[in-house]
């Protein structure tokens, strides 16, 4: 039973008792309780029906550590609130009695965790002075995308990574495969031995001009912790921008079968940065790494050491370094270790 009904029942009982005992002095409190039980809900319902709560943010996308401004506005109709409590954020309550018909508050918060964050709802609790009847009016919930923070690559890391990249001109000089002749292709790219053998025009397909040597591979399989995965993704974002400034790189995300190209113009970076923010821990190990002849692999993982081995040439970047192996550089809370002679990549 609601509190208003209880108070109404008490009032009716006092009135009945006054009539039964012929005690007219009991009618006053009885009628007062009946009046309060009727007026309080009506006042609150009418005030809440015309009330509106709006929540807005300064930006729908921001990076970790950036401030977020929340603006909450409460509007009412012609009937004032008998009493109210203002909640701009769940669990944070402020007294609010709007003297005017529109009240606006601004609250600051810090985006501390990457991913899609739900903001709100903001709400105002409308009640009578005696808390007999209460209604809550809430705003819609907003979503804010928090991107992994990008750290600058410091001088020690730059020195260690120097020489691992090459210019786009060098990459463009490598032949990748053969393909049917496309009209307008220069004659110098026609593969004449194949033409003589088959009679069909075949051209050399060159490696993509924005396809440099370094491939950044992200493995989200069984991260050591949620914070470890966040650190690994911050390191991956930082390295991608560093390599892009040097001519471009390839980024292999956990669900991709082929890497994405990131050129120096950073045309595809907003979409890739968004996908980095939405990466979740995986329970399925990577079946293969993107290994290509002559390429350097930067393997980014948040898993504890042990299990599968990497071979070839490149770096293992992780917040959980391999024990007993020297750390070449550090970035975004992660250690970079060379696996030129083989190193354990992650937990099985």
C-alpha atoms as a PDB file:
ATOM      1  CA  UNK A   1       0.000   0.000   0.000  1.00  0.00           C
ATOM      2  CA  UNK A   2       1.308   3.458  -0.899  1.00  0.00           C
ATOM      3  CA  UNK A   3       1.947   6.065   1.745  1.00  0.00           C
ATOM      4  CA  UNK A   4      -0.902   8.243   0.432  1.00  0.00           C
ATOM      5  CA  UNK A   5      -3.351   5.364   0.825  1.00  0.00           C
ATOM      6  CA  UNK A   6      -2.087   4.651   4.306  1.00  0.00           C
ATOM      7  CA  UNK A   7      -2.568   8.266   5.350  1.00  0.00           C
ATOM      8  CA  UNK A   8      -6.028   8.284   3.765  1.00  0.00           C
ATOM      9  CA  UNK A   9      -6.899   5.103   5.668  1.00  0.00           C
ATOM     10  CA  UNK A  10      -5.740   6.718   8.935  1.00  0.00           C
ATOM     11  CA  UNK A  11      -7.855   9.779   8.218  1.00  0.00           C
ATOM     12  CA  UNK A  12     -10.932   7.680   7.430  1.00  0.00           C
ATOM     13  CA  UNK A  13     -10.387   5.670  10.631  1.00  0.00           C
ATOM     14  CA  UNK A  14     -10.200   8.865  12.725  1.00  0.00           C
ATOM     15  CA  UNK A  15     -13.399  10.174  11.149  1.00  0.00           C
ATOM     16  CA  UNK A  16     -15.153   6.854  11.807  1.00  0.00           C
ATOM     17  CA  UNK A  17     -13.897   6.863  15.390  1.00  0.00           C
ATOM     18  CA  UNK A  18     -15.143  10.443  15.859  1.00  0.00           C
ATOM     19  CA  UNK A  19     -18.589   9.420  14.644  1.00  0.00           C
ATOM     20  CA  UNK A  20     -18.612   6.274  16.784  1.00  0.00           C
ATOM     21  CA  UNK A  21     -17.533   7.998  20.004  1.00  0.00           C
ATOM     22  CA  UNK A  22     -19.318  11.276  19.299  1.00  0.00           C
ATOM     23  CA  UNK A  23     -15.979  13.064  19.593  1.00  0.00           C
ATOM     24  CA  UNK A  24     -16.075  15.936  17.057  1.00  0.00           C
ATOM     25  CA  UNK A  25     -12.512  16.972  17.949  1.00  0.00           C
ATOM     26  CA  UNK A  26     -11.279  13.870  16.085  1.00  0.00           C
ATOM     27  CA  UNK A  27     -12.791  15.107  12.818  1.00  0.00           C
ATOM     28  CA  UNK A  28     -10.147  17.818  12.461  1.00  0.00           C
ATOM     29  CA  UNK A  29      -7.094  15.518  12.233  1.00  0.00           C
ATOM     30  CA  UNK A  30      -9.099  12.923  10.307  1.00  0.00           C
ATOM     31  CA  UNK A  31     -10.224  15.392   7.645  1.00  0.00           C
ATOM     32  CA  UNK A  32      -6.715  16.881   7.520  1.00  0.00           C
ATOM     33  CA  UNK A  33      -5.235  13.463   6.756  1.00  0.00           C
ATOM     34  CA  UNK A  34      -7.877  12.775   4.104  1.00  0.00           C
ATOM     35  CA  UNK A  35      -7.191  16.153   2.504  1.00  0.00           C
ATOM     36  CA  UNK A  36      -3.417  15.579   2.526  1.00  0.00           C
ATOM     37  CA  UNK A  37      -3.844  12.100   1.022  1.00  0.00           C
ATOM     38  CA  UNK A  38      -5.891  13.588  -1.830  1.00  0.00           C
ATOM     39  CA  UNK A  39      -4.085  16.878  -2.487  1.00  0.00           C
ATOM     40  CA  UNK A  40      -0.465  15.672  -2.286  1.00  0.00           C
ATOM     41  CA  UNK A  41      -0.709  13.069  -5.117  1.00  0.00           C
ATOM     42  CA  UNK A  42      -2.735  15.412  -7.306  1.00  0.00           C
ATOM     43  CA  UNK A  43      -0.202  18.236  -6.871  1.00  0.00           C
ATOM     44  CA  UNK A  44       2.785  15.989  -7.572  1.00  0.00           C
ATOM     45  CA  UNK A  45       1.170  14.287 -10.586  1.00  0.00           C
ATOM     46  CA  UNK A  46       0.199  17.600 -12.200  1.00  0.00           C
ATOM     47  CA  UNK A  47       3.656  19.086 -11.562  1.00  0.00           C
ATOM     48  CA  UNK A  48       5.434  15.990 -12.909  1.00  0.00           C
ATOM     49  CA  UNK A  49       3.248  15.809 -16.013  1.00  0.00           C
ATOM     50  CA  UNK A  50       4.512  19.194 -17.200  1.00  0.00           C
ATOM     51  CA  UNK A  51       8.124  18.628 -16.082  1.00  0.00           C
ATOM     52  CA  UNK A  52      10.914  17.811 -18.529  1.00  0.00           C
ATOM     53  CA  UNK A  53      14.544  16.822 -17.938  1.00  0.00           C
ATOM     54  CA  UNK A  54      17.144  17.130 -20.707  1.00  0.00           C
ATOM     55  CA  UNK A  55      20.734  15.892 -20.668  1.00  0.00           C
ATOM     56  CA  UNK A  56      23.365  17.043 -23.160  1.00  0.00           C
ATOM     57  CA  UNK A  57      27.119  16.599 -23.500  1.00  0.00           C
ATOM     58  CA  UNK A  58      29.752  18.762 -25.148  1.00  0.00           C
ATOM     59  CA  UNK A  59      31.015  15.941 -27.377  1.00  0.00           C
ATOM     60  CA  UNK A  60      29.814  12.488 -28.358  1.00  0.00           C
ATOM     61  CA  UNK A  61      33.402  11.310 -28.929  1.00  0.00           C
ATOM     62  CA  UNK A  62      36.465  12.110 -26.863  1.00  0.00           C
ATOM     63  CA  UNK A  63      39.726  10.566 -25.711  1.00  0.00           C
ATOM     64  CA  UNK A  64      40.615   9.079 -22.349  1.00  0.00           C
ATOM     65  CA  UNK A  65      41.475  11.722 -19.785  1.00  0.00           C
ATOM     66  CA  UNK A  66      39.620  14.527 -21.535  1.00  0.00           C
ATOM     67  CA  UNK A  67      37.011  16.484 -19.541  1.00  0.00           C
ATOM     68  CA  UNK A  68      33.368  15.981 -20.356  1.00  0.00           C
ATOM     69  CA  UNK A  69      30.837  18.723 -19.679  1.00  0.00           C
ATOM     70  CA  UNK A  70      27.316  17.553 -18.875  1.00  0.00           C
ATOM     71  CA  UNK A  71      24.467  20.045 -19.004  1.00  0.00           C
ATOM     72  CA  UNK A  72      21.210  19.107 -17.314  1.00  0.00           C
ATOM     73  CA  UNK A  73      18.135  21.305 -17.687  1.00  0.00           C
ATOM     74  CA  UNK A  74      14.892  20.934 -15.747  1.00  0.00           C
ATOM     75  CA  UNK A  75      11.727  22.639 -16.946  1.00  0.00           C
ATOM     76  CA  UNK A  76       8.369  22.785 -15.196  1.00  0.00           C
ATOM     77  CA  UNK A  77       4.882  23.950 -16.081  1.00  0.00           C
ATOM     78  CA  UNK A  78       2.757  26.619 -14.450  1.00  0.00           C
ATOM     79  CA  UNK A  79       2.458  24.570 -11.246  1.00  0.00           C
ATOM     80  CA  UNK A  80       5.607  24.782  -9.061  1.00  0.00           C
ATOM     81  CA  UNK A  81       7.260  21.709  -7.627  1.00  0.00           C
ATOM     82  CA  UNK A  82       6.103  21.131  -4.036  1.00  0.00           C
ATOM     83  CA  UNK A  83       9.565  19.666  -3.362  1.00  0.00           C
ATOM     84  CA  UNK A  84      12.313  18.129  -5.456  1.00  0.00           C
ATOM     85  CA  UNK A  85      15.710  16.463  -5.470  1.00  0.00           C
ATOM     86  CA  UNK A  86      17.976  16.918  -8.490  1.00  0.00           C
ATOM     87  CA  UNK A  87      20.155  13.998  -9.673  1.00  0.00           C
ATOM     88  CA  UNK A  88      22.458  15.006 -12.555  1.00  0.00           C
ATOM     89  CA  UNK A  89      24.249  11.647 -12.343  1.00  0.00           C
ATOM     90  CA  UNK A  90      23.039   8.342 -10.838  1.00  0.00           C
ATOM     91  CA  UNK A  91      24.083   8.296  -7.193  1.00  0.00           C
ATOM     92  CA  UNK A  92      24.763  12.032  -7.030  1.00  0.00           C
ATOM     93  CA  UNK A  93      21.890  14.010  -5.566  1.00  0.00           C
ATOM     94  CA  UNK A  94      21.654  17.792  -5.200  1.00  0.00           C
ATOM     95  CA  UNK A  95      18.863  19.849  -3.670  1.00  0.00           C
ATOM     96  CA  UNK A  96      16.893  21.603  -6.390  1.00  0.00           C
ATOM     97  CA  UNK A  97      13.956  23.942  -6.037  1.00  0.00           C
ATOM     98  CA  UNK A  98      13.708  25.824  -9.305  1.00  0.00           C
ATOM     99  CA  UNK A  99      12.425  29.297  -8.536  1.00  0.00           C
ATOM    100  CA  UNK A 100      11.996  29.912 -12.256  1.00  0.00           C
ATOM    101  CA  UNK A 101      10.366  27.592 -14.726  1.00  0.00           C
ATOM    102  CA  UNK A 102      13.731  26.545 -16.111  1.00  0.00           C
ATOM    103  CA  UNK A 103      16.760  25.400 -14.106  1.00  0.00           C
ATOM    104  CA  UNK A 104      20.080  24.417 -15.696  1.00  0.00           C
ATOM    105  CA  UNK A 105      23.146  22.831 -14.122  1.00  0.00           C
ATOM    106  CA  UNK A 106      26.563  21.980 -15.578  1.00  0.00           C
ATOM    107  CA  UNK A 107      28.571  19.074 -14.217  1.00  0.00           C
ATOM    108  CA  UNK A 108      32.149  18.135 -15.166  1.00  0.00           C
ATOM    109  CA  UNK A 109      33.424  14.568 -15.440  1.00  0.00           C
ATOM    110  CA  UNK A 110      36.578  12.879 -16.702  1.00  0.00           C
ATOM    111  CA  UNK A 111      36.482  10.143 -19.331  1.00  0.00           C
ATOM    112  CA  UNK A 112      38.665   7.560 -17.627  1.00  0.00           C
ATOM    113  CA  UNK A 113      37.843   4.353 -19.492  1.00  0.00           C
ATOM    114  CA  UNK A 114      37.731   3.639 -23.212  1.00  0.00           C
ATOM    115  CA  UNK A 115      34.715   2.204 -24.948  1.00  0.00           C
ATOM    116  CA  UNK A 116      31.068   3.100 -25.348  1.00  0.00           C
ATOM    117  CA  UNK A 117      29.983   4.710 -22.077  1.00  0.00           C
ATOM    118  CA  UNK A 118      26.374   5.290 -21.061  1.00  0.00           C
ATOM    119  CA  UNK A 119      25.735   8.706 -19.511  1.00  0.00           C
ATOM    120  CA  UNK A 120      22.744   9.349 -17.276  1.00  0.00           C
ATOM    121  CA  UNK A 121      19.907   9.348 -16.981  1.00  0.00           C
ATOM    122  CA  UNK A 122      19.603  12.682 -15.170  1.00  0.00           C
ATOM    123  CA  UNK A 123      16.451  12.904 -13.103  1.00  0.00           C
ATOM    124  CA  UNK A 124      14.438  15.111 -10.803  1.00  0.00           C
ATOM    125  CA  UNK A 125      12.411  13.613  -7.982  1.00  0.00           C
ATOM    126  CA  UNK A 126       9.206  15.538  -7.356  1.00  0.00           C
ATOM    127  CA  UNK A 127       7.447  15.071  -4.030  1.00  0.00           C
ATOM    128  CA  UNK A 128       5.234  16.927  -1.589  1.00  0.00           C
ATOM    129  CA  UNK A 129       6.813  18.505   1.525  1.00  0.00           C
ATOM    130  CA  UNK A 130       5.850  15.484   3.669  1.00  0.00           C
ATOM    131  CA  UNK A 131       7.016  12.877   1.116  1.00  0.00           C
ATOM    132  CA  UNK A 132       3.551  11.389   0.905  1.00  0.00           C
ATOM    133  CA  UNK A 133       3.709  10.948  -2.875  1.00  0.00           C
ATOM    134  CA  UNK A 134       6.735  10.958  -5.198  1.00  0.00           C
ATOM    135  CA  UNK A 135       7.288  10.925  -8.943  1.00  0.00           C
ATOM    136  CA  UNK A 136      10.603  10.759 -10.842  1.00  0.00           C
ATOM    137  CA  UNK A 137      11.084  12.442 -14.226  1.00  0.00           C
ATOM    138  CA  UNK A 138      14.201  11.299 -16.096  1.00  0.00           C
ATOM    139  CA  UNK A 139      16.087  12.236 -19.227  1.00  0.00           C
ATOM    140  CA  UNK A 140      17.047   9.747 -21.942  1.00  0.00           C
ATOM    141  CA  UNK A 141      20.380   7.969 -21.544  1.00  0.00           C
ATOM    142  CA  UNK A 142      23.189   9.211 -23.771  1.00  0.00           C
ATOM    143  CA  UNK A 143      26.134   7.280 -25.188  1.00  0.00           C
ATOM    144  CA  UNK A 144      29.643   8.689 -25.365  1.00  0.00           C
ATOM    145  CA  UNK A 145      32.489   6.978 -27.192  1.00  0.00           C
ATOM    146  CA  UNK A 146      35.790   7.202 -25.321  1.00  0.00           C
ATOM    147  CA  UNK A 147      38.807   6.582 -27.567  1.00  0.00           C
ATOM    148  CA  UNK A 148      42.139   5.127 -26.395  1.00  0.00           C
ATOM    149  CA  UNK A 149      44.525   7.902 -25.443  1.00  0.00           C
ATOM    150  CA  UNK A 150      47.443   8.476 -27.810  1.00  0.00           C
ATOM    151  CA  UNK A 151      50.888   8.859 -26.219  1.00  0.00           C
ATOM    152  CA  UNK A 152      53.849  10.462 -27.981  1.00  0.00           C
ATOM    153  CA  UNK A 153      56.643   8.104 -28.945  1.00  0.00           C
ATOM    154  CA  UNK A 154      59.627   9.233 -26.871  1.00  0.00           C
ATOM    155  CA  UNK A 155      63.216   9.443 -28.057  1.00  0.00           C
ATOM    156  CA  UNK A 156      64.355   6.010 -26.736  1.00  0.00           C
ATOM    157  CA  UNK A 157      61.495   4.284 -28.533  1.00  0.00           C
ATOM    158  CA  UNK A 158      62.119   6.306 -31.690  1.00  0.00           C
ATOM    159  CA  UNK A 159      65.728   5.199 -31.708  1.00  0.00           C
ATOM    160  CA  UNK A 160      64.835   1.539 -31.286  1.00  0.00           C
ATOM    161  CA  UNK A 161      62.168   1.664 -33.964  1.00  0.00           C
ATOM    162  CA  UNK A 162      64.315   3.627 -36.392  1.00  0.00           C
ATOM    163  CA  UNK A 163      65.248   1.672 -39.474  1.00  0.00           C
ATOM    164  CA  UNK A 164      62.178  -0.538 -39.261  1.00  0.00           C
ATOM    165  CA  UNK A 165      60.180   1.643 -41.646  1.00  0.00           C
ATOM    166  CA  UNK A 166      60.718   2.516 -45.267  1.00  0.00           C
ATOM    167  CA  UNK A 167      59.407   5.127 -47.593  1.00  0.00           C
ATOM    168  CA  UNK A 168      56.346   4.645 -49.765  1.00  0.00           C
ATOM    169  CA  UNK A 169      58.532   4.915 -52.851  1.00  0.00           C
ATOM    170  CA  UNK A 170      60.525   1.901 -51.703  1.00  0.00           C
ATOM    171  CA  UNK A 171      57.338  -0.045 -51.006  1.00  0.00           C
ATOM    172  CA  UNK A 172      55.945   0.815 -54.423  1.00  0.00           C
ATOM    173  CA  UNK A 173      58.925  -0.770 -56.136  1.00  0.00           C
ATOM    174  CA  UNK A 174      58.094  -4.262 -54.877  1.00  0.00           C
ATOM    175  CA  UNK A 175      56.141  -6.625 -57.117  1.00  0.00           C
ATOM    176  CA  UNK A 176      53.318  -8.406 -55.319  1.00  0.00           C
ATOM    177  CA  UNK A 177      51.769 -10.720 -57.923  1.00  0.00           C
ATOM    178  CA  UNK A 178      50.435 -10.967 -61.473  1.00  0.00           C
ATOM    179  CA  UNK A 179      46.970 -10.022 -62.681  1.00  0.00           C
ATOM    180  CA  UNK A 180      45.089  -9.574 -65.997  1.00  0.00           C
ATOM    181  CA  UNK A 181      46.072  -6.499 -67.961  1.00  0.00           C
ATOM    182  CA  UNK A 182      44.113  -3.322 -67.161  1.00  0.00           C
ATOM    183  CA  UNK A 183      43.708  -0.789 -69.976  1.00  0.00           C
ATOM    184  CA  UNK A 184      46.003   2.163 -69.508  1.00  0.00           C
ATOM    185  CA  UNK A 185      48.722   0.279 -67.620  1.00  0.00           C
ATOM    186  CA  UNK A 186      52.225   1.251 -68.778  1.00  0.00           C
ATOM    187  CA  UNK A 187      53.916  -1.267 -71.058  1.00  0.00           C
ATOM    188  CA  UNK A 188      56.839  -1.507 -68.609  1.00  0.00           C
ATOM    189  CA  UNK A 189      54.555  -3.372 -66.171  1.00  0.00           C
ATOM    190  CA  UNK A 190      53.461  -6.044 -68.661  1.00  0.00           C
ATOM    191  CA  UNK A 191      54.926  -9.447 -67.768  1.00  0.00           C
ATOM    192  CA  UNK A 192      56.111 -10.464 -71.242  1.00  0.00           C
ATOM    193  CA  UNK A 193      57.242 -14.017 -70.379  1.00  0.00           C
ATOM    194  CA  UNK A 194      53.694 -14.858 -69.297  1.00  0.00           C
ATOM    195  CA  UNK A 195      52.272 -13.124 -72.366  1.00  0.00           C
ATOM    196  CA  UNK A 196      54.545 -15.219 -74.616  1.00  0.00           C
ATOM    197  CA  UNK A 197      53.576 -18.412 -72.822  1.00  0.00           C
ATOM    198  CA  UNK A 198      49.802 -17.901 -72.601  1.00  0.00           C
ATOM    199  CA  UNK A 199      49.009 -15.348 -75.269  1.00  0.00           C
ATOM    200  CA  UNK A 200      47.044 -13.262 -72.743  1.00  0.00           C
ATOM    201  CA  UNK A 201      48.081  -9.830 -71.565  1.00  0.00           C
ATOM    202  CA  UNK A 202      49.252 -10.094 -67.951  1.00  0.00           C
ATOM    203  CA  UNK A 203      50.681  -7.253 -65.864  1.00  0.00           C
ATOM    204  CA  UNK A 204      52.702  -7.099 -62.707  1.00  0.00           C
ATOM    205  CA  UNK A 205      50.625  -5.951 -59.745  1.00  0.00           C
ATOM    206  CA  UNK A 206      52.700  -3.716 -57.525  1.00  0.00           C
ATOM    207  CA  UNK A 207      52.446  -3.633 -53.771  1.00  0.00           C
ATOM    208  CA  UNK A 208      50.073  -0.910 -52.597  1.00  0.00           C
ATOM    209  CA  UNK A 209      51.803   2.418 -52.346  1.00  0.00           C
ATOM    210  CA  UNK A 210      50.535   2.934 -48.804  1.00  0.00           C
ATOM    211  CA  UNK A 211      51.556  -0.594 -47.810  1.00  0.00           C
ATOM    212  CA  UNK A 212      54.828  -0.188 -45.910  1.00  0.00           C
ATOM    213  CA  UNK A 213      56.714  -2.878 -44.111  1.00  0.00           C
ATOM    214  CA  UNK A 214      55.441  -2.612 -40.533  1.00  0.00           C
ATOM    215  CA  UNK A 215      52.245  -4.450 -39.589  1.00  0.00           C
ATOM    216  CA  UNK A 216      50.699  -3.710 -36.187  1.00  0.00           C
ATOM    217  CA  UNK A 217      48.843  -6.838 -35.054  1.00  0.00           C
ATOM    218  CA  UNK A 218      46.471  -6.628 -32.074  1.00  0.00           C
ATOM    219  CA  UNK A 219      45.629  -9.762 -30.129  1.00  0.00           C
ATOM    220  CA  UNK A 220      42.841  -9.441 -27.516  1.00  0.00           C
ATOM    221  CA  UNK A 221      42.965 -13.093 -26.467  1.00  0.00           C
ATOM    222  CA  UNK A 222      42.692 -13.564 -22.696  1.00  0.00           C
ATOM    223  CA  UNK A 223      44.108 -10.248 -21.484  1.00  0.00           C
ATOM    224  CA  UNK A 224      45.770 -10.222 -18.085  1.00  0.00           C
ATOM    225  CA  UNK A 225      43.217  -7.638 -16.920  1.00  0.00           C
ATOM    226  CA  UNK A 226      40.875  -5.017 -18.326  1.00  0.00           C
ATOM    227  CA  UNK A 227      43.405  -2.294 -17.558  1.00  0.00           C
ATOM    228  CA  UNK A 228      46.127  -4.316 -19.315  1.00  0.00           C
ATOM    229  CA  UNK A 229      43.999  -4.440 -22.459  1.00  0.00           C
ATOM    230  CA  UNK A 230      43.433  -0.675 -22.232  1.00  0.00           C
ATOM    231  CA  UNK A 231      47.179  -0.086 -21.962  1.00  0.00           C
ATOM    232  CA  UNK A 232      47.874  -2.356 -24.931  1.00  0.00           C
ATOM    233  CA  UNK A 233      45.352  -0.502 -27.087  1.00  0.00           C
ATOM    234  CA  UNK A 234      46.809   2.871 -26.086  1.00  0.00           C
ATOM    235  CA  UNK A 235      50.222   1.594 -27.170  1.00  0.00           C
ATOM    236  CA  UNK A 236      48.803   0.298 -30.458  1.00  0.00           C
ATOM    237  CA  UNK A 237      47.125   3.627 -31.232  1.00  0.00           C
ATOM    238  CA  UNK A 238      50.307   5.527 -30.395  1.00  0.00           C
ATOM    239  CA  UNK A 239      52.494   3.294 -32.577  1.00  0.00           C
ATOM    240  CA  UNK A 240      50.068   3.439 -35.502  1.00  0.00           C
ATOM    241  CA  UNK A 241      50.170   7.228 -35.562  1.00  0.00           C
ATOM    242  CA  UNK A 242      53.953   7.172 -35.204  1.00  0.00           C
ATOM    243  CA  UNK A 243      54.394   4.791 -38.139  1.00  0.00           C
ATOM    244  CA  UNK A 244      51.777   6.658 -40.192  1.00  0.00           C
ATOM    245  CA  UNK A 245      53.783   9.865 -39.829  1.00  0.00           C
ATOM    246  CA  UNK A 246      56.815   8.000 -41.189  1.00  0.00           C
ATOM    247  CA  UNK A 247      54.998   6.873 -44.315  1.00  0.00           C
ATOM    248  CA  UNK A 248      52.177   4.560 -43.255  1.00  0.00           C
ATOM    249  CA  UNK A 249      51.550   1.164 -41.701  1.00  0.00           C
ATOM    250  CA  UNK A 250      49.114  -1.735 -41.673  1.00  0.00           C
ATOM    251  CA  UNK A 251      46.803  -2.412 -38.740  1.00  0.00           C
ATOM    252  CA  UNK A 252      45.443  -5.902 -38.115  1.00  0.00           C
ATOM    253  CA  UNK A 253      42.506  -5.841 -35.685  1.00  0.00           C
ATOM    254  CA  UNK A 254      41.320  -8.991 -33.839  1.00  0.00           C
ATOM    255  CA  UNK A 255      38.323  -9.719 -36.081  1.00  0.00           C
ATOM    256  CA  UNK A 256      39.995  -8.850 -39.375  1.00  0.00           C
ATOM    257  CA  UNK A 257      41.257 -11.360 -41.909  1.00  0.00           C
ATOM    258  CA  UNK A 258      43.221  -8.712 -43.764  1.00  0.00           C
ATOM    259  CA  UNK A 259      44.934  -5.625 -42.394  1.00  0.00           C
ATOM    260  CA  UNK A 260      43.708  -2.076 -42.837  1.00  0.00           C
ATOM    261  CA  UNK A 261      45.966   0.464 -44.489  1.00  0.00           C
ATOM    262  CA  UNK A 262      46.816   3.621 -42.573  1.00  0.00           C
ATOM    263  CA  UNK A 263      48.557   6.211 -44.715  1.00  0.00           C
ATOM    264  CA  UNK A 264      50.272   9.446 -43.728  1.00  0.00           C
ATOM    265  CA  UNK A 265      47.117  11.394 -44.591  1.00  0.00           C
ATOM    266  CA  UNK A 266      45.278   9.499 -41.777  1.00  0.00           C
ATOM    267  CA  UNK A 267      42.163   9.232 -43.938  1.00  0.00           C
ATOM    268  CA  UNK A 268      40.981   6.024 -42.278  1.00  0.00           C
ATOM    269  CA  UNK A 269      42.243   6.791 -38.783  1.00  0.00           C
ATOM    270  CA  UNK A 270      38.930   7.974 -37.206  1.00  0.00           C
ATOM    271  CA  UNK A 271      37.227   4.684 -38.123  1.00  0.00           C
ATOM    272  CA  UNK A 272      40.212   2.609 -36.939  1.00  0.00           C
ATOM    273  CA  UNK A 273      40.470   4.591 -33.706  1.00  0.00           C
ATOM    274  CA  UNK A 274      36.773   3.935 -33.080  1.00  0.00           C
ATOM    275  CA  UNK A 275      37.266   0.202 -33.639  1.00  0.00           C
ATOM    276  CA  UNK A 276      40.182   0.219 -31.203  1.00  0.00           C
ATOM    277  CA  UNK A 277      37.916   1.758 -28.564  1.00  0.00           C
ATOM    278  CA  UNK A 278      35.318  -0.997 -29.025  1.00  0.00           C
ATOM    279  CA  UNK A 279      37.652  -4.006 -28.813  1.00  0.00           C
ATOM    280  CA  UNK A 280      36.540  -6.517 -26.179  1.00  0.00           C
ATOM    281  CA  UNK A 281      38.521  -9.384 -24.613  1.00  0.00           C
ATOM    282  CA  UNK A 282      38.468 -12.475 -26.810  1.00  0.00           C
ATOM    283  CA  UNK A 283      38.186 -16.111 -25.793  1.00  0.00           C
ATOM    284  CA  UNK A 284      39.325 -17.343 -29.198  1.00  0.00           C
ATOM    285  CA  UNK A 285      43.064 -17.268 -29.959  1.00  0.00           C
ATOM    286  CA  UNK A 286      44.356 -15.896 -33.208  1.00  0.00           C
ATOM    287  CA  UNK A 287      44.883 -18.806 -35.593  1.00  0.00           C
ATOM    288  CA  UNK A 288      47.483 -16.948 -37.593  1.00  0.00           C
ATOM    289  CA  UNK A 289      49.385 -13.714 -37.651  1.00  0.00           C
ATOM    290  CA  UNK A 290      49.664 -11.569 -40.718  1.00  0.00           C
ATOM    291  CA  UNK A 291      53.147 -12.704 -41.690  1.00  0.00           C
ATOM    292  CA  UNK A 292      54.439 -11.522 -45.004  1.00  0.00           C
ATOM    293  CA  UNK A 293      57.795 -11.884 -46.628  1.00  0.00           C
ATOM    294  CA  UNK A 294      60.201  -9.199 -45.484  1.00  0.00           C
ATOM    295  CA  UNK A 295      57.775  -7.419 -43.180  1.00  0.00           C
ATOM    296  CA  UNK A 296      58.267  -6.346 -39.580  1.00  0.00           C
ATOM    297  CA  UNK A 297      55.469  -7.363 -37.191  1.00  0.00           C
ATOM    298  CA  UNK A 298      54.620  -5.289 -34.124  1.00  0.00           C
ATOM    299  CA  UNK A 299      52.617  -7.751 -32.052  1.00  0.00           C
ATOM    300  CA  UNK A 300      50.474  -5.995 -29.394  1.00  0.00           C
ATOM    301  CA  UNK A 301      48.971  -8.203 -26.698  1.00  0.00           C
ATOM    302  CA  UNK A 302      47.677  -7.863 -23.128  1.00  0.00           C
ATOM    303  CA  UNK A 303      48.031 -11.564 -22.311  1.00  0.00           C
ATOM    304  CA  UNK A 304      50.386 -12.958 -19.721  1.00  0.00           C
ATOM    305  CA  UNK A 305      53.515 -14.608 -21.061  1.00  0.00           C
ATOM    306  CA  UNK A 306      53.655 -18.241 -21.970  1.00  0.00           C
ATOM    307  CA  UNK A 307      52.358 -20.423 -24.770  1.00  0.00           C
ATOM    308  CA  UNK A 308      52.685 -19.658 -28.457  1.00  0.00           C
ATOM    309  CA  UNK A 309      55.988 -18.558 -29.957  1.00  0.00           C
ATOM    310  CA  UNK A 310      56.593 -15.854 -32.526  1.00  0.00           C
ATOM    311  CA  UNK A 311      59.309 -16.169 -35.086  1.00  0.00           C
ATOM    312  CA  UNK A 312      60.672 -13.827 -37.655  1.00  0.00           C
ATOM    313  CA  UNK A 313      61.519 -10.195 -37.070  1.00  0.00           C
ATOM    314  CA  UNK A 314      59.666  -7.585 -35.031  1.00  0.00           C
ATOM    315  CA  UNK A 315      58.563  -6.456 -31.612  1.00  0.00           C
ATOM    316  CA  UNK A 316      56.275  -7.760 -28.908  1.00  0.00           C
ATOM    317  CA  UNK A 317      54.527  -4.837 -27.165  1.00  0.00           C
ATOM    318  CA  UNK A 318      52.669  -5.663 -23.982  1.00  0.00           C
ATOM    319  CA  UNK A 319      52.024  -4.468 -20.411  1.00  0.00           C
ATOM    320  CA  UNK A 320      53.159  -7.985 -19.384  1.00  0.00           C
ATOM    321  CA  UNK A 321      56.774  -8.258 -20.578  1.00  0.00           C
ATOM    322  CA  UNK A 322      58.489 -11.604 -21.097  1.00  0.00           C
ATOM    323  CA  UNK A 323      60.701 -12.304 -18.053  1.00  0.00           C
ATOM    324  CA  UNK A 324      64.410 -12.449 -18.676  1.00  0.00           C
ATOM    325  CA  UNK A 325      64.262 -10.673 -22.014  1.00  0.00           C
ATOM    326  CA  UNK A 326      65.563  -7.087 -22.365  1.00  0.00           C
ATOM    327  CA  UNK A 327      63.064  -4.290 -22.816  1.00  0.00           C
ATOM    328  CA  UNK A 328      64.008  -2.188 -25.836  1.00  0.00           C
ATOM    329  CA  UNK A 329      61.531   0.640 -25.290  1.00  0.00           C
ATOM    330  CA  UNK A 330      58.425   1.607 -23.323  1.00  0.00           C
ATOM    331  CA  UNK A 331      55.260   3.297 -24.501  1.00  0.00           C
ATOM    332  CA  UNK A 332      51.864   3.891 -22.864  1.00  0.00           C
ATOM    333  CA  UNK A 333      52.650   1.571 -19.957  1.00  0.00           C
ATOM    334  CA  UNK A 334      53.775  -1.229 -22.270  1.00  0.00           C
ATOM    335  CA  UNK A 335      57.195  -2.731 -22.888  1.00  0.00           C
ATOM    336  CA  UNK A 336      58.584  -3.364 -26.341  1.00  0.00           C
ATOM    337  CA  UNK A 337      60.757  -6.477 -26.690  1.00  0.00           C
ATOM    338  CA  UNK A 338      62.412  -7.767 -29.821  1.00  0.00           C
ATOM    339  CA  UNK A 339      61.514 -11.295 -30.906  1.00  0.00           C
ATOM    340  CA  UNK A 340      64.126 -11.550 -33.617  1.00  0.00           C
ATOM    341  CA  UNK A 341      65.171 -14.947 -32.269  1.00  0.00           C
ATOM    342  CA  UNK A 342      61.725 -16.114 -31.164  1.00  0.00           C
ATOM    343  CA  UNK A 343      59.733 -15.097 -28.109  1.00  0.00           C
ATOM    344  CA  UNK A 344      56.595 -16.273 -26.396  1.00  0.00           C
ATOM    345  CA  UNK A 345      53.633 -14.222 -27.615  1.00  0.00           C
ATOM    346  CA  UNK A 346      50.793 -14.887 -25.229  1.00  0.00           C
ATOM    347  CA  UNK A 347      48.882 -17.314 -23.097  1.00  0.00           C
ATOM    348  CA  UNK A 348      47.558 -20.386 -24.891  1.00  0.00           C
END
